């Protein structure tokens, strides 16, 4: 039986926000951001089990939709 291999994924930080960055921009707690991600209200990308990032374009769309634009 083959041993599992580990994949390395590089994240272009210029294309993504962290949970904390989004929380700061929205002026909410990071748990609120996580709740919006879990509900599907805010799109996010998961890299492994611990790394969650929000594409900047998805964040901008979320903000635009929230403002009724």
PDB file of N, CA and C in Angstrom:
ATOM      1  N   UNK A   1       0.845  -1.181   0.000  1.00  0.00           N
ATOM      2  CA  UNK A   1       0.000   0.000   0.000  1.00  0.00           C
ATOM      3  C   UNK A   1       0.892   1.246   0.000  1.00  0.00           C
ATOM      4  N   UNK A   2       0.584   2.198  -0.853  1.00  0.00           N
ATOM      5  CA  UNK A   2       1.405   3.404  -0.993  1.00  0.00           C
ATOM      6  C   UNK A   2       1.174   4.340   0.188  1.00  0.00           C
ATOM      7  N   UNK A   3       2.234   5.001   0.573  1.00  0.00           N
ATOM      8  CA  UNK A   3       2.148   6.008   1.630  1.00  0.00           C
ATOM      9  C   UNK A   3       1.491   7.271   1.074  1.00  0.00           C
ATOM     10  N   UNK A   4       0.659   7.936   1.888  1.00  0.00           N
ATOM     11  CA  UNK A   4       0.068   9.194   1.415  1.00  0.00           C
ATOM     12  C   UNK A   4       1.165  10.223   1.172  1.00  0.00           C
ATOM     13  N   UNK A   5       0.982  11.013   0.148  1.00  0.00           N
ATOM     14  CA  UNK A   5       1.958  12.056  -0.139  1.00  0.00           C
ATOM     15  C   UNK A   5       1.414  13.398   0.317  1.00  0.00           C
ATOM     16  N   UNK A   6       2.308  14.273   0.665  1.00  0.00           N
ATOM     17  CA  UNK A   6       1.926  15.598   1.123  1.00  0.00           C
ATOM     18  C   UNK A   6       2.030  16.561  -0.040  1.00  0.00           C
ATOM     19  N   UNK A   7       0.978  17.368  -0.243  1.00  0.00           N
ATOM     20  CA  UNK A   7       0.987  18.355  -1.312  1.00  0.00           C
ATOM     21  C   UNK A   7       1.264  19.728  -0.722  1.00  0.00           C
ATOM     22  N   UNK A   8       2.072  20.473  -1.416  1.00  0.00           N
ATOM     23  CA  UNK A   8       2.334  21.848  -1.021  1.00  0.00           C
ATOM     24  C   UNK A   8       1.559  22.758  -1.954  1.00  0.00           C
ATOM     25  N   UNK A   9       0.779  23.650  -1.366  1.00  0.00           N
ATOM     26  CA  UNK A   9      -0.003  24.596  -2.148  1.00  0.00           C
ATOM     27  C   UNK A   9       0.492  25.985  -1.835  1.00  0.00           C
ATOM     28  N   UNK A  10       0.833  26.715  -2.875  1.00  0.00           N
ATOM     29  CA  UNK A  10       1.248  28.098  -2.674  1.00  0.00           C
ATOM     30  C   UNK A  10       0.041  29.002  -2.876  1.00  0.00           C
ATOM     31  N   UNK A  11      -0.140  29.923  -1.953  1.00  0.00           N
ATOM     32  CA  UNK A  11      -1.257  30.847  -2.003  1.00  0.00           C
ATOM     33  C   UNK A  11      -0.713  32.214  -2.392  1.00  0.00           C
ATOM     34  N   UNK A  12      -1.238  32.768  -3.469  1.00  0.00           N
ATOM     35  CA  UNK A  12      -0.845  34.117  -3.868  1.00  0.00           C
ATOM     36  C   UNK A  12      -1.574  35.093  -2.944  1.00  0.00           C
ATOM     37  N   UNK A  13      -0.868  35.607  -1.976  1.00  0.00           N
ATOM     38  CA  UNK A  13      -1.476  36.462  -0.955  1.00  0.00           C
ATOM     39  C   UNK A  13      -2.092  37.732  -1.531  1.00  0.00           C
ATOM     40  N   UNK A  14      -1.695  38.112  -2.750  1.00  0.00           N
ATOM     41  CA  UNK A  14      -2.263  39.310  -3.377  1.00  0.00           C
ATOM     42  C   UNK A  14      -3.695  39.092  -3.843  1.00  0.00           C
ATOM     43  N   UNK A  15      -4.133  37.843  -3.939  1.00  0.00           N
ATOM     44  CA  UNK A  15      -5.463  37.525  -4.442  1.00  0.00           C
ATOM     45  C   UNK A  15      -6.459  37.186  -3.342  1.00  0.00           C
ATOM     46  N   UNK A  16      -5.990  37.069  -2.107  1.00  0.00           N
ATOM     47  CA  UNK A  16      -6.834  36.602  -1.011  1.00  0.00           C
ATOM     48  C   UNK A  16      -6.740  37.493   0.216  1.00  0.00           C
ATOM     49  N   UNK A  17      -7.809  37.468   1.013  1.00  0.00           N
ATOM     50  CA  UNK A  17      -7.811  38.068   2.352  1.00  0.00           C
ATOM     51  C   UNK A  17      -7.854  36.942   3.375  1.00  0.00           C
ATOM     52  N   UNK A  18      -7.299  37.195   4.535  1.00  0.00           N
ATOM     53  CA  UNK A  18      -7.431  36.268   5.656  1.00  0.00           C
ATOM     54  C   UNK A  18      -8.759  36.550   6.361  1.00  0.00           C
ATOM     55  N   UNK A  19      -9.134  35.657   7.246  1.00  0.00           N
ATOM     56  CA  UNK A  19     -10.347  35.850   8.053  1.00  0.00           C
ATOM     57  C   UNK A  19     -10.231  37.146   8.860  1.00  0.00           C
ATOM     58  N   UNK A  20      -9.074  37.372   9.463  1.00  0.00           N
ATOM     59  CA  UNK A  20      -8.879  38.579  10.275  1.00  0.00           C
ATOM     60  C   UNK A  20      -8.958  39.857   9.443  1.00  0.00           C
ATOM     61  N   UNK A  21      -8.425  39.830   8.225  1.00  0.00           N
ATOM     62  CA  UNK A  21      -8.497  41.011   7.358  1.00  0.00           C
ATOM     63  C   UNK A  21      -9.941  41.331   6.992  1.00  0.00           C
ATOM     64  N   UNK A  22     -10.719  40.306   6.678  1.00  0.00           N
ATOM     65  CA  UNK A  22     -12.129  40.515   6.341  1.00  0.00           C
ATOM     66  C   UNK A  22     -12.891  41.027   7.559  1.00  0.00           C
ATOM     67  N   UNK A  23     -12.626  40.453   8.714  1.00  0.00           N
ATOM     68  CA  UNK A  23     -13.294  40.904   9.942  1.00  0.00           C
ATOM     69  C   UNK A  23     -13.009  42.382  10.200  1.00  0.00           C
ATOM     70  N   UNK A  24     -11.777  42.778  10.011  1.00  0.00           N
ATOM     71  CA  UNK A  24     -11.396  44.181  10.232  1.00  0.00           C
ATOM     72  C   UNK A  24     -12.103  45.090   9.232  1.00  0.00           C
ATOM     73  N   UNK A  25     -12.159  44.676   7.969  1.00  0.00           N
ATOM     74  CA  UNK A  25     -12.816  45.489   6.943  1.00  0.00           C
ATOM     75  C   UNK A  25     -14.316  45.622   7.194  1.00  0.00           C
ATOM     76  N   UNK A  26     -14.941  44.547   7.683  1.00  0.00           N
ATOM     77  CA  UNK A  26     -16.383  44.576   7.953  1.00  0.00           C
ATOM     78  C   UNK A  26     -16.714  45.103   9.348  1.00  0.00           C
ATOM     79  N   UNK A  27     -15.679  45.278  10.162  1.00  0.00           N
ATOM     80  CA  UNK A  27     -15.844  45.739  11.554  1.00  0.00           C
ATOM     81  C   UNK A  27     -16.719  44.778  12.356  1.00  0.00           C
ATOM     82  N   UNK A  28     -16.391  43.480  12.190  1.00  0.00           N
ATOM     83  CA  UNK A  28     -17.082  42.431  12.934  1.00  0.00           C
ATOM     84  C   UNK A  28     -16.038  41.498  13.536  1.00  0.00           C
ATOM     85  N   UNK A  29     -16.482  40.615  14.410  1.00  0.00           N
ATOM     86  CA  UNK A  29     -15.586  39.625  15.023  1.00  0.00           C
ATOM     87  C   UNK A  29     -15.262  38.540  14.002  1.00  0.00           C
ATOM     88  N   UNK A  30     -14.112  37.929  14.134  1.00  0.00           N
ATOM     89  CA  UNK A  30     -13.704  36.877  13.183  1.00  0.00           C
ATOM     90  C   UNK A  30     -14.690  35.701  13.199  1.00  0.00           C
ATOM     91  N   UNK A  31     -15.337  35.437  14.335  1.00  0.00           N
ATOM     92  CA  UNK A  31     -16.337  34.359  14.391  1.00  0.00           C
ATOM     93  C   UNK A  31     -17.550  34.688  13.518  1.00  0.00           C
ATOM     94  N   UNK A  32     -17.873  35.976  13.392  1.00  0.00           N
ATOM     95  CA  UNK A  32     -18.968  36.390  12.516  1.00  0.00           C
ATOM     96  C   UNK A  32     -18.608  36.081  11.064  1.00  0.00           C
ATOM     97  N   UNK A  33     -17.370  36.341  10.692  1.00  0.00           N
ATOM     98  CA  UNK A  33     -16.910  36.020   9.336  1.00  0.00           C
ATOM     99  C   UNK A  33     -16.998  34.514   9.113  1.00  0.00           C
ATOM    100  N   UNK A  34     -16.538  33.730  10.070  1.00  0.00           N
ATOM    101  CA  UNK A  34     -16.595  32.272   9.944  1.00  0.00           C
ATOM    102  C   UNK A  34     -18.040  31.792   9.822  1.00  0.00           C
ATOM    103  N   UNK A  35     -18.948  32.390  10.576  1.00  0.00           N
ATOM    104  CA  UNK A  35     -20.359  32.007  10.511  1.00  0.00           C
ATOM    105  C   UNK A  35     -20.938  32.309   9.127  1.00  0.00           C
ATOM    106  N   UNK A  36     -20.550  33.437   8.551  1.00  0.00           N
ATOM    107  CA  UNK A  36     -21.029  33.791   7.211  1.00  0.00           C
ATOM    108  C   UNK A  36     -20.468  32.847   6.158  1.00  0.00           C
ATOM    109  N   UNK A  37     -19.253  32.385   6.367  1.00  0.00           N
ATOM    110  CA  UNK A  37     -18.664  31.397   5.460  1.00  0.00           C
ATOM    111  C   UNK A  37     -19.398  30.073   5.597  1.00  0.00           C
ATOM    112  N   UNK A  38     -19.607  29.624   6.826  1.00  0.00           N
ATOM    113  CA  UNK A  38     -20.281  28.345   7.067  1.00  0.00           C
ATOM    114  C   UNK A  38     -21.707  28.339   6.529  1.00  0.00           C
ATOM    115  N   UNK A  39     -22.379  29.494   6.565  1.00  0.00           N
ATOM    116  CA  UNK A  39     -23.758  29.577   6.061  1.00  0.00           C
ATOM    117  C   UNK A  39     -23.812  29.678   4.541  1.00  0.00           C
ATOM    118  N   UNK A  40     -22.667  29.927   3.906  1.00  0.00           N
ATOM    119  CA  UNK A  40     -22.627  30.085   2.459  1.00  0.00           C
ATOM    120  C   UNK A  40     -22.847  31.510   2.005  1.00  0.00           C
ATOM    121  N   UNK A  41     -23.051  32.398   2.945  1.00  0.00           N
ATOM    122  CA  UNK A  41     -23.280  33.811   2.638  1.00  0.00           C
ATOM    123  C   UNK A  41     -22.023  34.463   2.052  1.00  0.00           C
ATOM    124  N   UNK A  42     -20.859  34.050   2.524  1.00  0.00           N
ATOM    125  CA  UNK A  42     -19.572  34.573   2.068  1.00  0.00           C
ATOM    126  C   UNK A  42     -18.750  33.403   1.551  1.00  0.00           C
ATOM    127  N   UNK A  43     -18.311  33.490   0.296  1.00  0.00           N
ATOM    128  CA  UNK A  43     -17.524  32.414  -0.301  1.00  0.00           C
ATOM    129  C   UNK A  43     -16.096  32.428   0.240  1.00  0.00           C
ATOM    130  N   UNK A  44     -15.531  31.244   0.420  1.00  0.00           N
ATOM    131  CA  UNK A  44     -14.161  31.124   0.909  1.00  0.00           C
ATOM    132  C   UNK A  44     -13.515  29.891   0.308  1.00  0.00           C
ATOM    133  N   UNK A  45     -12.192  29.881   0.337  1.00  0.00           N
ATOM    134  CA  UNK A  45     -11.405  28.748  -0.140  1.00  0.00           C
ATOM    135  C   UNK A  45     -10.704  28.129   1.057  1.00  0.00           C
ATOM    136  N   UNK A  46     -10.740  26.825   1.123  1.00  0.00           N
ATOM    137  CA  UNK A  46     -10.034  26.109   2.188  1.00  0.00           C
ATOM    138  C   UNK A  46      -8.812  25.434   1.591  1.00  0.00           C
ATOM    139  N   UNK A  47      -7.692  25.630   2.243  1.00  0.00           N
ATOM    140  CA  UNK A  47      -6.446  24.987   1.858  1.00  0.00           C
ATOM    141  C   UNK A  47      -6.061  24.091   3.025  1.00  0.00           C
ATOM    142  N   UNK A  48      -6.367  22.814   2.904  1.00  0.00           N
ATOM    143  CA  UNK A  48      -6.167  21.909   4.031  1.00  0.00           C
ATOM    144  C   UNK A  48      -7.293  22.084   5.025  1.00  0.00           C
ATOM    145  N   UNK A  49      -7.020  21.722   6.260  1.00  0.00           N
ATOM    146  CA  UNK A  49      -8.067  21.803   7.276  1.00  0.00           C
ATOM    147  C   UNK A  49      -8.030  23.100   8.081  1.00  0.00           C
ATOM    148  N   UNK A  50      -6.924  23.802   8.059  1.00  0.00           N
ATOM    149  CA  UNK A  50      -6.788  24.979   8.910  1.00  0.00           C
ATOM    150  C   UNK A  50      -6.753  26.322   8.183  1.00  0.00           C
ATOM    151  N   UNK A  51      -6.372  26.323   6.927  1.00  0.00           N
ATOM    152  CA  UNK A  51      -6.191  27.588   6.218  1.00  0.00           C
ATOM    153  C   UNK A  51      -7.443  27.925   5.422  1.00  0.00           C
ATOM    154  N   UNK A  52      -8.021  29.083   5.739  1.00  0.00           N
ATOM    155  CA  UNK A  52      -9.206  29.578   5.049  1.00  0.00           C
ATOM    156  C   UNK A  52      -8.880  30.973   4.534  1.00  0.00           C
ATOM    157  N   UNK A  53      -9.150  31.195   3.263  1.00  0.00           N
ATOM    158  CA  UNK A  53      -8.915  32.500   2.657  1.00  0.00           C
ATOM    159  C   UNK A  53     -10.133  32.898   1.838  1.00  0.00           C
ATOM    160  N   UNK A  54     -10.321  34.216   1.702  1.00  0.00           N
ATOM    161  CA  UNK A  54     -11.417  34.751   0.914  1.00  0.00           C
ATOM    162  C   UNK A  54     -10.810  35.463  -0.285  1.00  0.00           C
ATOM    163  N   UNK A  55     -11.243  35.071  -1.482  1.00  0.00           N
ATOM    164  CA  UNK A  55     -10.758  35.762  -2.674  1.00  0.00           C
ATOM    165  C   UNK A  55     -11.215  37.211  -2.609  1.00  0.00           C
ATOM    166  N   UNK A  56     -10.318  38.108  -2.991  1.00  0.00           N
ATOM    167  CA  UNK A  56     -10.660  39.527  -2.951  1.00  0.00           C
ATOM    168  C   UNK A  56     -11.880  39.828  -3.813  1.00  0.00           C
ATOM    169  N   UNK A  57     -11.985  39.182  -4.975  1.00  0.00           N
ATOM    170  CA  UNK A  57     -13.136  39.426  -5.850  1.00  0.00           C
ATOM    171  C   UNK A  57     -14.430  38.920  -5.210  1.00  0.00           C
ATOM    172  N   UNK A  58     -14.379  37.822  -4.462  1.00  0.00           N
ATOM    173  CA  UNK A  58     -15.562  37.318  -3.766  1.00  0.00           C
ATOM    174  C   UNK A  58     -15.953  38.250  -2.623  1.00  0.00           C
ATOM    175  N   UNK A  59     -14.964  38.804  -1.941  1.00  0.00           N
ATOM    176  CA  UNK A  59     -15.253  39.753  -0.868  1.00  0.00           C
ATOM    177  C   UNK A  59     -15.921  41.002  -1.426  1.00  0.00           C
ATOM    178  N   UNK A  60     -15.385  41.523  -2.528  1.00  0.00           N
ATOM    179  CA  UNK A  60     -15.962  42.730  -3.137  1.00  0.00           C
ATOM    180  C   UNK A  60     -17.395  42.482  -3.592  1.00  0.00           C
ATOM    181  N   UNK A  61     -17.665  41.294  -4.154  1.00  0.00           N
ATOM    182  CA  UNK A  61     -19.022  40.942  -4.566  1.00  0.00           C
ATOM    183  C   UNK A  61     -19.937  40.862  -3.341  1.00  0.00           C
ATOM    184  N   UNK A  62     -19.452  40.296  -2.259  1.00  0.00           N
ATOM    185  CA  UNK A  62     -20.234  40.190  -1.034  1.00  0.00           C
ATOM    186  C   UNK A  62     -20.604  41.579  -0.511  1.00  0.00           C
ATOM    187  N   UNK A  63     -19.619  42.485  -0.491  1.00  0.00           N
ATOM    188  CA  UNK A  63     -19.859  43.838  -0.003  1.00  0.00           C
ATOM    189  C   UNK A  63     -20.857  44.564  -0.911  1.00  0.00           C
ATOM    190  N   UNK A  64     -20.692  44.407  -2.210  1.00  0.00           N
ATOM    191  CA  UNK A  64     -21.622  45.042  -3.167  1.00  0.00           C
ATOM    192  C   UNK A  64     -23.046  44.537  -2.980  1.00  0.00           C
ATOM    193  N   UNK A  65     -23.203  43.221  -2.807  1.00  0.00           N
ATOM    194  CA  UNK A  65     -24.522  42.627  -2.602  1.00  0.00           C
ATOM    195  C   UNK A  65     -25.123  43.049  -1.266  1.00  0.00           C
ATOM    196  N   UNK A  66     -24.287  43.216  -0.250  1.00  0.00           N
ATOM    197  CA  UNK A  66     -24.762  43.600   1.073  1.00  0.00           C
ATOM    198  C   UNK A  66     -25.296  45.019   1.080  1.00  0.00           C
ATOM    199  N   UNK A  67     -24.747  45.844   0.211  1.00  0.00           N
ATOM    200  CA  UNK A  67     -25.165  47.238   0.144  1.00  0.00           C
ATOM    201  C   UNK A  67     -26.326  47.440  -0.818  1.00  0.00           C
ATOM    202  N   UNK A  68     -26.775  46.351  -1.432  1.00  0.00           N
ATOM    203  CA  UNK A  68     -27.910  46.451  -2.339  1.00  0.00           C
ATOM    204  C   UNK A  68     -27.563  47.026  -3.699  1.00  0.00           C
ATOM    205  N   UNK A  69     -26.267  46.997  -4.038  1.00  0.00           N
ATOM    206  CA  UNK A  69     -25.852  47.554  -5.329  1.00  0.00           C
ATOM    207  C   UNK A  69     -26.081  46.580  -6.448  1.00  0.00           C
TER     208      UNK A  69
END
